[in-house]
Amino acid sequence: MTAAEHHIVPRQPPSSGAAGSSGPSGSPGGGDGTPPQDRRRVTRRRLITLTIIVLLIGIPAGYLVISAGQSRRSGKDKEAEAAAQGLREDWPSGMQRRIFELPVPGNAVGVQYYETNNWKASRMYVKFRTTSAGLDRFLSGVGTGRAALETGKVTIGARDLKVTGWFFGPGVDWAGTVHKNKDPRPTQHITVNMTDPAAPVVYVVSAATP
């Protein structure tokens, strides 16, 4: 056979099983070719997860604490503001009278009031002059009566005196009573200047607990 007649066989690529190929046991990544987990990556992922959990729990809890503190400060600020402004020369609104159960008689004169609110309680301070019959109507509307008034008794405490500036000194015929209700209905502390029985002056603090 001459050189021209000699067939040239093309070179074949190496087979997959040729030398240098790592088999199932020699593969650096194992049988599926997946590299091993990086320990630092796993630790970092766990730290991120833990941080997220702490934030999810800690942020709402912190918000509640801050909100409660702000509410307390806000209540004190409002109370101080009311004290600075003093009693208003006006009638409380019909809604305020219903909420605090203060049926101020229609013939009342010199009506003064103001309201304070904080996270513990809401208070309505009212002062007015009325007639003997008007006093009876007021006491009956509250749910008590003249017989409950104790001669010489002042039922409004020092805290409320500081807020209102009221003064219950000697030389005046004072009489007072406390009409208690179950929460959330208000309790009324009533003190009356009975020096002139025909024109008594009523001081009342109605306190409601939310």
N, C-alpha and C. Protein backbone atom coordinates (compact mmCIF):
# COMPACT_ATOMS: atom_id res chain seq x y z
N MET A 1 0.87 -1.18 0.00
CA MET A 1 0.00 0.00 0.00
C MET A 1 0.89 1.21 0.00
N THR A 2 0.61 2.10 -0.88
CA THR A 2 1.42 3.30 -0.97
C THR A 2 1.01 4.27 0.11
N ALA A 3 1.84 5.29 0.29
CA ALA A 3 1.54 6.30 1.32
C ALA A 3 0.28 7.03 1.02
N ALA A 4 -0.05 7.21 -0.29
CA ALA A 4 -1.27 7.93 -0.66
C ALA A 4 -2.49 7.14 -0.31
N GLU A 5 -2.32 5.76 -0.36
CA GLU A 5 -3.47 4.92 -0.09
C GLU A 5 -3.66 4.68 1.39
N HIS A 6 -2.73 5.10 2.23
CA HIS A 6 -2.85 4.85 3.68
C HIS A 6 -3.85 5.81 4.29
N HIS A 7 -4.83 5.24 4.99
CA HIS A 7 -5.89 6.05 5.62
C HIS A 7 -5.41 6.63 6.94
N ILE A 8 -5.64 7.91 7.12
CA ILE A 8 -5.24 8.58 8.38
C ILE A 8 -6.42 8.52 9.33
N VAL A 9 -6.22 7.93 10.47
CA VAL A 9 -7.29 7.81 11.49
C VAL A 9 -7.24 9.06 12.39
N PRO A 10 -8.34 9.79 12.43
CA PRO A 10 -8.33 11.02 13.29
C PRO A 10 -8.10 10.66 14.74
N ARG A 11 -7.44 11.59 15.43
CA ARG A 11 -7.14 11.37 16.85
C ARG A 11 -8.41 11.51 17.68
N GLN A 12 -8.65 10.53 18.58
CA GLN A 12 -9.86 10.51 19.39
C GLN A 12 -9.61 11.26 20.71
N PRO A 13 -10.65 12.00 21.18
CA PRO A 13 -10.50 12.69 22.50
C PRO A 13 -10.42 11.66 23.59
N PRO A 14 -9.78 12.00 24.67
CA PRO A 14 -9.66 11.03 25.79
C PRO A 14 -11.02 10.74 26.38
N SER A 15 -11.21 9.52 26.82
CA SER A 15 -12.49 9.11 27.41
C SER A 15 -12.61 9.67 28.81
N SER A 16 -13.89 9.67 29.33
CA SER A 16 -14.16 10.23 30.66
C SER A 16 -13.47 9.45 31.74
N GLY A 17 -13.09 8.26 31.43
CA GLY A 17 -12.42 7.44 32.45
C GLY A 17 -10.93 7.48 32.33
N ALA A 18 -10.39 8.45 31.57
CA ALA A 18 -8.95 8.52 31.38
C ALA A 18 -8.28 8.89 32.68
N ALA A 19 -6.98 8.67 32.69
CA ALA A 19 -6.20 8.96 33.88
C ALA A 19 -6.25 10.43 34.21
N GLY A 20 -6.19 10.78 35.49
CA GLY A 20 -6.23 12.19 35.91
C GLY A 20 -7.61 12.60 36.34
N SER A 21 -8.67 11.78 35.99
CA SER A 21 -10.03 12.14 36.40
C SER A 21 -10.31 11.49 37.73
N SER A 22 -10.88 12.27 38.64
CA SER A 22 -11.19 11.74 39.96
C SER A 22 -12.51 11.03 39.92
N GLY A 23 -12.55 9.84 40.38
CA GLY A 23 -13.76 9.06 40.42
C GLY A 23 -14.63 9.47 41.58
N PRO A 24 -15.65 8.68 41.83
CA PRO A 24 -16.57 9.01 42.92
C PRO A 24 -15.86 9.14 44.24
N SER A 25 -14.82 8.33 44.44
CA SER A 25 -14.13 8.41 45.73
C SER A 25 -13.04 9.46 45.73
N GLY A 26 -12.65 9.93 44.56
CA GLY A 26 -11.53 10.89 44.50
C GLY A 26 -11.97 12.30 44.31
N SER A 27 -13.25 12.55 44.12
CA SER A 27 -13.72 13.91 43.89
C SER A 27 -13.56 14.74 45.15
N PRO A 28 -13.01 15.99 45.05
CA PRO A 28 -12.81 16.82 46.24
C PRO A 28 -14.11 17.27 46.85
N GLY A 29 -15.19 17.26 46.08
CA GLY A 29 -16.46 17.72 46.62
C GLY A 29 -17.39 16.60 46.97
N GLY A 30 -16.97 15.39 46.93
CA GLY A 30 -17.86 14.30 47.22
C GLY A 30 -18.55 13.84 45.96
N GLY A 31 -19.46 12.92 46.12
CA GLY A 31 -20.10 12.32 44.96
C GLY A 31 -20.93 13.27 44.15
N ASP A 32 -21.53 14.29 44.78
CA ASP A 32 -22.40 15.20 44.02
C ASP A 32 -21.66 16.44 43.56
N GLY A 33 -20.39 16.54 43.83
CA GLY A 33 -19.61 17.69 43.36
C GLY A 33 -19.82 18.95 44.18
N THR A 34 -20.56 18.91 45.34
CA THR A 34 -20.83 20.09 46.16
C THR A 34 -19.70 20.32 47.15
N PRO A 35 -19.15 21.55 47.22
CA PRO A 35 -18.06 21.79 48.17
C PRO A 35 -18.57 21.71 49.60
N PRO A 36 -17.76 21.39 50.58
CA PRO A 36 -18.20 21.31 51.97
C PRO A 36 -18.62 22.67 52.50
N GLN A 37 -19.53 22.65 53.52
CA GLN A 37 -20.01 23.90 54.12
C GLN A 37 -18.85 24.65 54.78
N ASP A 38 -18.84 25.94 54.52
CA ASP A 38 -17.83 26.79 55.15
C ASP A 38 -18.29 27.08 56.58
N ARG A 39 -17.49 26.67 57.57
CA ARG A 39 -17.88 26.83 58.97
C ARG A 39 -18.12 28.29 59.33
N ARG A 40 -17.32 29.19 58.80
CA ARG A 40 -17.50 30.61 59.09
C ARG A 40 -18.81 31.14 58.52
N ARG A 41 -19.18 30.64 57.34
CA ARG A 41 -20.44 31.06 56.72
C ARG A 41 -21.63 30.61 57.57
N VAL A 42 -21.57 29.39 58.09
CA VAL A 42 -22.65 28.87 58.93
C VAL A 42 -22.76 29.70 60.20
N THR A 43 -21.61 30.00 60.81
CA THR A 43 -21.61 30.80 62.05
C THR A 43 -22.18 32.19 61.81
N ARG A 44 -21.77 32.78 60.67
CA ARG A 44 -22.26 34.12 60.34
C ARG A 44 -23.77 34.12 60.13
N ARG A 45 -24.27 33.08 59.45
CA ARG A 45 -25.71 33.00 59.20
C ARG A 45 -26.49 32.85 60.51
N ARG A 46 -25.93 32.07 61.44
CA ARG A 46 -26.59 31.90 62.74
C ARG A 46 -26.61 33.21 63.53
N LEU A 47 -25.50 33.95 63.46
CA LEU A 47 -25.45 35.24 64.15
C LEU A 47 -26.47 36.21 63.58
N ILE A 48 -26.61 36.22 62.26
CA ILE A 48 -27.59 37.11 61.62
C ILE A 48 -29.00 36.74 62.06
N THR A 49 -29.29 35.43 62.08
CA THR A 49 -30.62 34.97 62.51
C THR A 49 -30.90 35.39 63.95
N LEU A 50 -29.91 35.20 64.83
CA LEU A 50 -30.06 35.56 66.24
C LEU A 50 -30.29 37.06 66.40
N THR A 51 -29.55 37.85 65.62
CA THR A 51 -29.71 39.31 65.68
C THR A 51 -31.12 39.73 65.27
N ILE A 52 -31.64 39.10 64.21
CA ILE A 52 -33.00 39.42 63.75
C ILE A 52 -34.02 39.10 64.83
N ILE A 53 -33.86 37.93 65.49
CA ILE A 53 -34.80 37.54 66.56
C ILE A 53 -34.76 38.54 67.71
N VAL A 54 -33.53 38.93 68.10
CA VAL A 54 -33.39 39.90 69.19
C VAL A 54 -34.06 41.23 68.84
N LEU A 55 -33.87 41.67 67.60
CA LEU A 55 -34.47 42.92 67.17
C LEU A 55 -35.99 42.83 67.15
N LEU A 56 -36.52 41.71 66.66
CA LEU A 56 -37.97 41.55 66.60
C LEU A 56 -38.60 41.57 67.98
N ILE A 57 -37.89 41.04 68.97
CA ILE A 57 -38.44 41.03 70.33
C ILE A 57 -38.09 42.32 71.07
N GLY A 58 -36.87 42.78 70.91
CA GLY A 58 -36.40 43.91 71.70
C GLY A 58 -37.00 45.25 71.30
N ILE A 59 -37.18 45.49 69.99
CA ILE A 59 -37.69 46.79 69.55
C ILE A 59 -39.10 47.04 70.06
N PRO A 60 -40.08 46.11 69.88
CA PRO A 60 -41.42 46.37 70.44
C PRO A 60 -41.41 46.56 71.94
N ALA A 61 -40.62 45.75 72.67
CA ALA A 61 -40.57 45.88 74.12
C ALA A 61 -40.02 47.25 74.52
N GLY A 62 -38.98 47.67 73.84
CA GLY A 62 -38.40 48.98 74.13
C GLY A 62 -39.38 50.10 73.82
N TYR A 63 -40.12 49.93 72.73
CA TYR A 63 -41.12 50.94 72.36
C TYR A 63 -42.18 51.08 73.45
N LEU A 64 -42.63 49.93 74.00
CA LEU A 64 -43.66 49.96 75.05
C LEU A 64 -43.15 50.68 76.29
N VAL A 65 -41.89 50.42 76.66
CA VAL A 65 -41.33 51.08 77.84
C VAL A 65 -41.24 52.59 77.61
N ILE A 66 -40.75 52.98 76.43
CA ILE A 66 -40.64 54.41 76.12
C ILE A 66 -42.01 55.06 76.07
N SER A 67 -42.98 54.37 75.45
CA SER A 67 -44.33 54.91 75.34
C SER A 67 -44.96 55.12 76.70
N ALA A 68 -44.75 54.15 77.62
CA ALA A 68 -45.31 54.27 78.96
C ALA A 68 -44.69 55.46 79.69
N GLY A 69 -43.38 55.63 79.54
CA GLY A 69 -42.71 56.76 80.17
C GLY A 69 -43.21 58.09 79.63
N GLN A 70 -43.39 58.15 78.31
CA GLN A 70 -43.90 59.38 77.70
C GLN A 70 -45.31 59.68 78.17
N SER A 71 -46.14 58.61 78.32
CA SER A 71 -47.51 58.80 78.78
C SER A 71 -47.54 59.38 80.19
N ARG A 72 -46.67 58.84 81.06
CA ARG A 72 -46.62 59.36 82.42
C ARG A 72 -46.18 60.82 82.43
N ARG A 73 -45.13 61.11 81.65
CA ARG A 73 -44.65 62.50 81.61
C ARG A 73 -45.71 63.42 81.02
N SER A 74 -46.41 62.94 79.98
CA SER A 74 -47.43 63.74 79.34
C SER A 74 -48.56 64.05 80.33
N GLY A 75 -48.96 63.03 81.10
CA GLY A 75 -50.02 63.24 82.09
C GLY A 75 -49.61 64.28 83.13
N LYS A 76 -48.36 64.20 83.61
CA LYS A 76 -47.89 65.17 84.58
C LYS A 76 -47.82 66.57 83.98
N ASP A 77 -47.39 66.65 82.72
CA ASP A 77 -47.30 67.95 82.05
C ASP A 77 -48.68 68.58 81.90
N LYS A 78 -49.66 67.76 81.51
CA LYS A 78 -51.02 68.28 81.35
C LYS A 78 -51.58 68.76 82.68
N GLU A 79 -51.29 68.00 83.74
CA GLU A 79 -51.79 68.37 85.06
C GLU A 79 -51.15 69.68 85.50
N ALA A 80 -49.84 69.81 85.28
CA ALA A 80 -49.15 71.04 85.66
C ALA A 80 -49.67 72.23 84.85
N GLU A 81 -49.96 71.98 83.57
CA GLU A 81 -50.49 73.04 82.71
C GLU A 81 -51.85 73.50 83.20
N ALA A 82 -52.70 72.53 83.60
CA ALA A 82 -54.02 72.87 84.11
C ALA A 82 -53.90 73.69 85.39
N ALA A 83 -52.97 73.29 86.26
CA ALA A 83 -52.79 74.01 87.52
C ALA A 83 -52.32 75.44 87.26
N ALA A 84 -51.46 75.59 86.25
CA ALA A 84 -50.96 76.93 85.93
C ALA A 84 -52.07 77.81 85.38
N GLN A 85 -52.96 77.23 84.62
CA GLN A 85 -54.05 78.00 84.03
C GLN A 85 -55.13 78.34 85.07
N GLY A 86 -55.28 77.50 86.07
CA GLY A 86 -56.29 77.73 87.08
C GLY A 86 -57.68 77.35 86.60
N LEU A 87 -58.64 77.51 87.50
CA LEU A 87 -60.02 77.19 87.18
C LEU A 87 -60.57 78.12 86.10
N ARG A 88 -61.36 77.55 85.21
CA ARG A 88 -61.98 78.34 84.15
C ARG A 88 -63.33 78.86 84.62
N GLU A 89 -63.61 80.11 84.34
CA GLU A 89 -64.89 80.71 84.69
C GLU A 89 -65.91 80.33 83.63
N ASP A 90 -66.42 79.12 83.74
CA ASP A 90 -67.36 78.63 82.73
C ASP A 90 -67.97 77.33 83.24
N TRP A 91 -68.97 76.85 82.51
CA TRP A 91 -69.58 75.57 82.83
C TRP A 91 -68.84 74.45 82.10
N PRO A 92 -68.65 73.32 82.75
CA PRO A 92 -68.14 72.16 82.00
C PRO A 92 -69.18 71.75 80.98
N SER A 93 -68.74 71.13 79.90
CA SER A 93 -69.67 70.71 78.85
C SER A 93 -70.64 69.65 79.38
N GLY A 94 -71.73 69.47 78.65
CA GLY A 94 -72.69 68.44 79.03
C GLY A 94 -72.06 67.06 79.08
N MET A 95 -71.16 66.78 78.12
CA MET A 95 -70.49 65.48 78.10
C MET A 95 -69.61 65.31 79.32
N GLN A 96 -68.87 66.36 79.69
CA GLN A 96 -68.00 66.28 80.87
C GLN A 96 -68.84 66.04 82.13
N ARG A 97 -69.98 66.72 82.22
CA ARG A 97 -70.83 66.53 83.39
C ARG A 97 -71.39 65.11 83.45
N ARG A 98 -71.68 64.54 82.29
CA ARG A 98 -72.18 63.16 82.28
C ARG A 98 -71.07 62.17 82.65
N ILE A 99 -69.89 62.36 82.06
CA ILE A 99 -68.78 61.44 82.32
C ILE A 99 -68.41 61.44 83.81
N PHE A 100 -68.33 62.63 84.40
CA PHE A 100 -67.91 62.74 85.79
C PHE A 100 -69.10 62.75 86.76
N GLU A 101 -70.30 62.59 86.23
CA GLU A 101 -71.52 62.51 87.03
C GLU A 101 -71.62 63.69 87.99
N LEU A 102 -71.62 64.88 87.38
CA LEU A 102 -71.71 66.14 88.13
C LEU A 102 -72.92 66.94 87.64
N PRO A 103 -74.08 66.70 88.22
CA PRO A 103 -75.30 67.39 87.79
C PRO A 103 -75.39 68.79 88.39
N VAL A 104 -74.57 69.71 87.89
CA VAL A 104 -74.58 71.08 88.40
C VAL A 104 -75.98 71.66 88.20
N PRO A 105 -76.61 72.17 89.27
CA PRO A 105 -77.98 72.67 89.14
C PRO A 105 -78.07 73.88 88.21
N GLY A 106 -79.20 74.01 87.56
CA GLY A 106 -79.36 75.07 86.57
C GLY A 106 -79.27 76.47 87.14
N ASN A 107 -79.54 76.62 88.43
CA ASN A 107 -79.49 77.96 89.02
C ASN A 107 -78.13 78.30 89.60
N ALA A 108 -77.14 77.47 89.34
CA ALA A 108 -75.79 77.71 89.88
C ALA A 108 -75.18 78.97 89.28
N VAL A 109 -74.41 79.69 90.09
CA VAL A 109 -73.71 80.89 89.63
C VAL A 109 -72.24 80.77 90.01
N GLY A 110 -71.42 81.58 89.36
CA GLY A 110 -70.00 81.56 89.66
C GLY A 110 -69.36 80.20 89.39
N VAL A 111 -69.83 79.53 88.34
CA VAL A 111 -69.34 78.17 88.06
C VAL A 111 -67.90 78.24 87.53
N GLN A 112 -67.04 77.42 88.12
CA GLN A 112 -65.65 77.30 87.69
C GLN A 112 -65.31 75.82 87.59
N TYR A 113 -64.42 75.50 86.65
CA TYR A 113 -64.04 74.09 86.49
C TYR A 113 -62.73 73.97 85.75
N TYR A 114 -62.11 72.82 85.84
CA TYR A 114 -61.18 72.33 84.83
C TYR A 114 -60.95 70.85 85.06
N GLU A 115 -60.40 70.25 84.03
CA GLU A 115 -60.22 68.80 83.98
C GLU A 115 -58.75 68.46 83.81
N THR A 116 -58.30 67.43 84.51
CA THR A 116 -56.95 66.93 84.32
C THR A 116 -57.02 65.44 83.99
N ASN A 117 -56.05 64.98 83.21
CA ASN A 117 -55.99 63.57 82.81
C ASN A 117 -54.56 63.09 82.87
N ASN A 118 -54.36 61.90 83.40
CA ASN A 118 -53.07 61.24 83.29
C ASN A 118 -53.31 59.74 83.20
N TRP A 119 -52.23 58.97 83.22
CA TRP A 119 -52.34 57.53 82.99
C TRP A 119 -53.02 56.81 84.15
N LYS A 120 -53.11 57.46 85.32
CA LYS A 120 -53.74 56.82 86.46
C LYS A 120 -55.22 57.17 86.59
N ALA A 121 -55.56 58.43 86.41
CA ALA A 121 -56.94 58.86 86.65
C ALA A 121 -57.24 60.15 85.91
N SER A 122 -58.53 60.41 85.74
CA SER A 122 -59.01 61.68 85.21
C SER A 122 -59.80 62.37 86.32
N ARG A 123 -59.63 63.68 86.43
CA ARG A 123 -60.31 64.42 87.49
C ARG A 123 -61.00 65.65 86.92
N MET A 124 -62.17 65.92 87.48
CA MET A 124 -62.90 67.14 87.15
C MET A 124 -63.08 67.93 88.44
N TYR A 125 -62.61 69.17 88.42
CA TYR A 125 -62.73 70.07 89.57
C TYR A 125 -63.83 71.09 89.25
N VAL A 126 -64.80 71.21 90.15
CA VAL A 126 -65.90 72.14 89.92
C VAL A 126 -66.21 72.90 91.21
N LYS A 127 -66.49 74.18 91.06
CA LYS A 127 -66.92 75.03 92.17
C LYS A 127 -68.11 75.86 91.69
N PHE A 128 -69.11 75.98 92.53
CA PHE A 128 -70.27 76.82 92.16
C PHE A 128 -71.05 77.20 93.41
N ARG A 129 -71.82 78.26 93.29
CA ARG A 129 -72.74 78.69 94.35
C ARG A 129 -74.16 78.39 93.88
N THR A 130 -74.98 77.94 94.80
CA THR A 130 -76.36 77.60 94.45
C THR A 130 -77.28 77.97 95.61
N THR A 131 -78.50 77.54 95.55
CA THR A 131 -79.46 77.75 96.63
C THR A 131 -79.55 76.49 97.47
N SER A 132 -80.31 76.57 98.56
CA SER A 132 -80.49 75.38 99.40
C SER A 132 -81.15 74.26 98.59
N ALA A 133 -82.18 74.63 97.79
CA ALA A 133 -82.85 73.63 96.96
C ALA A 133 -81.92 73.12 95.86
N GLY A 134 -81.07 74.01 95.34
CA GLY A 134 -80.12 73.60 94.31
C GLY A 134 -79.10 72.61 94.85
N LEU A 135 -78.69 72.81 96.10
CA LEU A 135 -77.76 71.86 96.73
C LEU A 135 -78.41 70.49 96.86
N ASP A 136 -79.66 70.48 97.27
CA ASP A 136 -80.38 69.21 97.39
C ASP A 136 -80.47 68.50 96.04
N ARG A 137 -80.77 69.27 94.99
CA ARG A 137 -80.86 68.66 93.66
C ARG A 137 -79.52 68.09 93.22
N PHE A 138 -78.47 68.83 93.49
CA PHE A 138 -77.13 68.36 93.10
C PHE A 138 -76.78 67.07 93.84
N LEU A 139 -76.95 67.06 95.15
CA LEU A 139 -76.61 65.88 95.93
C LEU A 139 -77.45 64.68 95.51
N SER A 140 -78.74 64.90 95.26
CA SER A 140 -79.61 63.82 94.82
C SER A 140 -79.18 63.29 93.46
N GLY A 141 -78.79 64.21 92.56
CA GLY A 141 -78.34 63.80 91.23
C GLY A 141 -77.05 63.00 91.27
N VAL A 142 -76.18 63.31 92.23
CA VAL A 142 -74.94 62.55 92.37
C VAL A 142 -75.24 61.14 92.88
N GLY A 143 -76.28 61.04 93.72
CA GLY A 143 -76.63 59.73 94.28
C GLY A 143 -76.51 59.70 95.79
N THR A 144 -76.45 60.88 96.39
CA THR A 144 -76.37 60.99 97.85
C THR A 144 -77.40 62.00 98.32
N GLY A 145 -77.22 62.55 99.52
CA GLY A 145 -78.19 63.51 100.04
C GLY A 145 -77.59 64.37 101.12
N ARG A 146 -78.35 65.34 101.57
CA ARG A 146 -77.85 66.27 102.58
C ARG A 146 -77.48 65.56 103.88
N ALA A 147 -78.19 64.48 104.18
CA ALA A 147 -77.91 63.74 105.42
C ALA A 147 -76.50 63.15 105.42
N ALA A 148 -75.91 62.96 104.24
CA ALA A 148 -74.56 62.40 104.16
C ALA A 148 -73.48 63.43 104.46
N LEU A 149 -73.83 64.72 104.43
CA LEU A 149 -72.84 65.76 104.71
C LEU A 149 -72.48 65.75 106.19
N GLU A 150 -71.21 65.62 106.49
CA GLU A 150 -70.72 65.61 107.87
C GLU A 150 -70.23 67.01 108.24
N THR A 151 -70.82 67.58 109.27
CA THR A 151 -70.47 68.91 109.71
C THR A 151 -69.00 68.98 110.13
N GLY A 152 -68.33 70.02 109.67
CA GLY A 152 -66.93 70.24 110.02
C GLY A 152 -65.95 69.39 109.23
N LYS A 153 -66.42 68.62 108.26
CA LYS A 153 -65.55 67.72 107.51
C LYS A 153 -65.20 68.31 106.14
N VAL A 154 -63.89 68.31 105.83
CA VAL A 154 -63.40 68.69 104.50
C VAL A 154 -62.90 67.42 103.83
N THR A 155 -63.46 67.08 102.70
CA THR A 155 -63.15 65.80 102.04
C THR A 155 -62.19 65.93 100.87
N ILE A 156 -61.75 67.13 100.58
CA ILE A 156 -60.85 67.34 99.45
C ILE A 156 -59.43 67.45 99.99
N GLY A 157 -58.55 66.59 99.51
CA GLY A 157 -57.21 66.44 100.08
C GLY A 157 -56.21 67.49 99.62
N ALA A 158 -55.03 67.41 100.24
CA ALA A 158 -53.97 68.39 100.00
C ALA A 158 -53.52 68.39 98.55
N ARG A 159 -53.48 67.23 97.93
CA ARG A 159 -53.05 67.15 96.53
C ARG A 159 -53.94 68.00 95.65
N ASP A 160 -55.26 67.85 95.84
CA ASP A 160 -56.21 68.60 95.01
C ASP A 160 -56.24 70.07 95.39
N LEU A 161 -55.97 70.38 96.64
CA LEU A 161 -55.89 71.79 97.04
C LEU A 161 -54.72 72.46 96.34
N LYS A 162 -53.62 71.71 96.21
CA LYS A 162 -52.45 72.27 95.52
C LYS A 162 -52.75 72.53 94.05
N VAL A 163 -53.53 71.65 93.46
CA VAL A 163 -53.87 71.81 92.05
C VAL A 163 -54.83 72.99 91.84
N THR A 164 -55.81 73.11 92.73
CA THR A 164 -56.87 74.11 92.53
C THR A 164 -56.58 75.46 93.15
N GLY A 165 -55.80 75.44 94.25
CA GLY A 165 -55.60 76.68 94.98
C GLY A 165 -56.73 76.97 95.96
N TRP A 166 -57.65 76.01 96.11
CA TRP A 166 -58.73 76.19 97.10
C TRP A 166 -58.15 76.20 98.51
N PHE A 167 -58.87 76.87 99.42
CA PHE A 167 -58.42 76.95 100.82
C PHE A 167 -59.62 76.72 101.72
N PHE A 168 -59.49 75.73 102.59
CA PHE A 168 -60.57 75.40 103.51
C PHE A 168 -60.09 75.71 104.93
N GLY A 169 -60.11 76.97 105.26
CA GLY A 169 -59.59 77.41 106.54
C GLY A 169 -60.64 77.44 107.64
N PRO A 170 -60.23 77.88 108.82
CA PRO A 170 -61.15 77.95 109.96
C PRO A 170 -62.12 79.13 109.81
N GLY A 171 -63.13 79.17 110.69
CA GLY A 171 -64.09 80.26 110.67
C GLY A 171 -65.18 80.08 109.63
N VAL A 172 -65.26 78.90 108.99
CA VAL A 172 -66.26 78.62 107.96
C VAL A 172 -66.99 77.33 108.35
N ASP A 173 -68.29 77.32 108.11
CA ASP A 173 -69.08 76.12 108.41
C ASP A 173 -68.95 75.13 107.25
N TRP A 174 -67.94 74.26 107.33
CA TRP A 174 -67.73 73.27 106.29
C TRP A 174 -68.53 72.01 106.57
N ALA A 175 -68.92 71.36 105.50
CA ALA A 175 -69.57 70.05 105.60
C ALA A 175 -69.17 69.26 104.37
N GLY A 176 -68.93 67.96 104.54
CA GLY A 176 -68.45 67.20 103.39
C GLY A 176 -68.87 65.75 103.40
N THR A 177 -68.75 65.15 102.23
CA THR A 177 -69.03 63.73 102.07
C THR A 177 -68.26 63.20 100.87
N VAL A 178 -68.05 61.90 100.84
CA VAL A 178 -67.43 61.23 99.70
C VAL A 178 -68.43 60.22 99.18
N HIS A 179 -68.80 60.39 97.91
CA HIS A 179 -69.74 59.46 97.28
C HIS A 179 -68.94 58.52 96.38
N LYS A 180 -68.82 57.27 96.80
CA LYS A 180 -67.99 56.30 96.09
C LYS A 180 -68.80 55.47 95.11
N ASN A 181 -68.20 55.22 93.97
CA ASN A 181 -68.76 54.34 92.96
C ASN A 181 -67.72 53.30 92.57
N LYS A 182 -68.18 52.20 92.04
CA LYS A 182 -67.25 51.18 91.53
C LYS A 182 -66.68 51.63 90.20
N ASP A 183 -65.38 51.35 90.00
CA ASP A 183 -64.74 51.66 88.71
C ASP A 183 -65.50 50.95 87.59
N PRO A 184 -65.63 51.60 86.44
CA PRO A 184 -64.97 52.86 86.03
C PRO A 184 -65.78 54.11 86.34
N ARG A 185 -66.88 54.00 87.08
CA ARG A 185 -67.64 55.20 87.43
C ARG A 185 -66.84 56.07 88.39
N PRO A 186 -67.03 57.38 88.32
CA PRO A 186 -66.22 58.28 89.15
C PRO A 186 -66.68 58.33 90.60
N THR A 187 -65.76 58.69 91.47
CA THR A 187 -66.05 58.94 92.89
C THR A 187 -65.96 60.44 93.13
N GLN A 188 -66.96 60.99 93.83
CA GLN A 188 -67.01 62.43 94.06
C GLN A 188 -66.65 62.77 95.51
N HIS A 189 -65.68 63.67 95.66
CA HIS A 189 -65.33 64.24 96.96
C HIS A 189 -65.98 65.62 97.02
N ILE A 190 -66.96 65.78 97.91
CA ILE A 190 -67.77 66.99 97.96
C ILE A 190 -67.56 67.70 99.29
N THR A 191 -67.26 68.99 99.21
CA THR A 191 -67.16 69.83 100.40
C THR A 191 -67.99 71.08 100.15
N VAL A 192 -68.81 71.47 101.15
CA VAL A 192 -69.74 72.59 100.97
C VAL A 192 -69.50 73.63 102.05
N ASN A 193 -69.44 74.88 101.62
CA ASN A 193 -69.40 76.01 102.55
C ASN A 193 -70.85 76.34 102.93
N MET A 194 -71.22 75.98 104.18
CA MET A 194 -72.60 76.15 104.63
C MET A 194 -72.76 77.38 105.54
N THR A 195 -71.80 78.31 105.47
CA THR A 195 -71.88 79.50 106.31
C THR A 195 -73.18 80.26 106.06
N ASP A 196 -73.57 80.35 104.81
CA ASP A 196 -74.86 80.92 104.44
C ASP A 196 -75.71 79.78 103.89
N PRO A 197 -76.57 79.17 104.71
CA PRO A 197 -77.33 78.00 104.26
C PRO A 197 -78.20 78.27 103.04
N ALA A 198 -78.59 79.54 102.84
CA ALA A 198 -79.43 79.86 101.69
C ALA A 198 -78.62 79.96 100.40
N ALA A 199 -77.30 80.10 100.52
CA ALA A 199 -76.45 80.24 99.33
C ALA A 199 -75.17 79.44 99.52
N PRO A 200 -75.27 78.12 99.63
CA PRO A 200 -74.08 77.30 99.85
C PRO A 200 -73.14 77.32 98.64
N VAL A 201 -71.84 77.19 98.92
CA VAL A 201 -70.84 77.11 97.86
C VAL A 201 -70.31 75.67 97.84
N VAL A 202 -70.38 75.06 96.68
CA VAL A 202 -70.03 73.64 96.53
C VAL A 202 -68.67 73.51 95.87
N TYR A 203 -67.82 72.69 96.46
CA TYR A 203 -66.52 72.33 95.89
C TYR A 203 -66.56 70.81 95.68
N VAL A 204 -66.25 70.38 94.50
CA VAL A 204 -66.31 68.93 94.24
C VAL A 204 -65.16 68.50 93.32
N VAL A 205 -64.58 67.36 93.67
CA VAL A 205 -63.57 66.74 92.82
C VAL A 205 -64.10 65.36 92.45
N SER A 206 -64.32 65.16 91.17
CA SER A 206 -64.82 63.87 90.68
C SER A 206 -63.67 63.17 89.97
N ALA A 207 -63.30 62.00 90.50
CA ALA A 207 -62.14 61.27 89.96
C ALA A 207 -62.58 59.94 89.37
N ALA A 208 -62.16 59.69 88.13
CA ALA A 208 -62.50 58.44 87.44
C ALA A 208 -61.22 57.72 87.07
N THR A 209 -61.18 56.42 87.31
CA THR A 209 -60.04 55.59 86.94
C THR A 209 -60.36 54.84 85.67
N PRO A 210 -59.52 54.98 84.61
CA PRO A 210 -59.80 54.29 83.35
C PRO A 210 -59.86 52.77 83.53
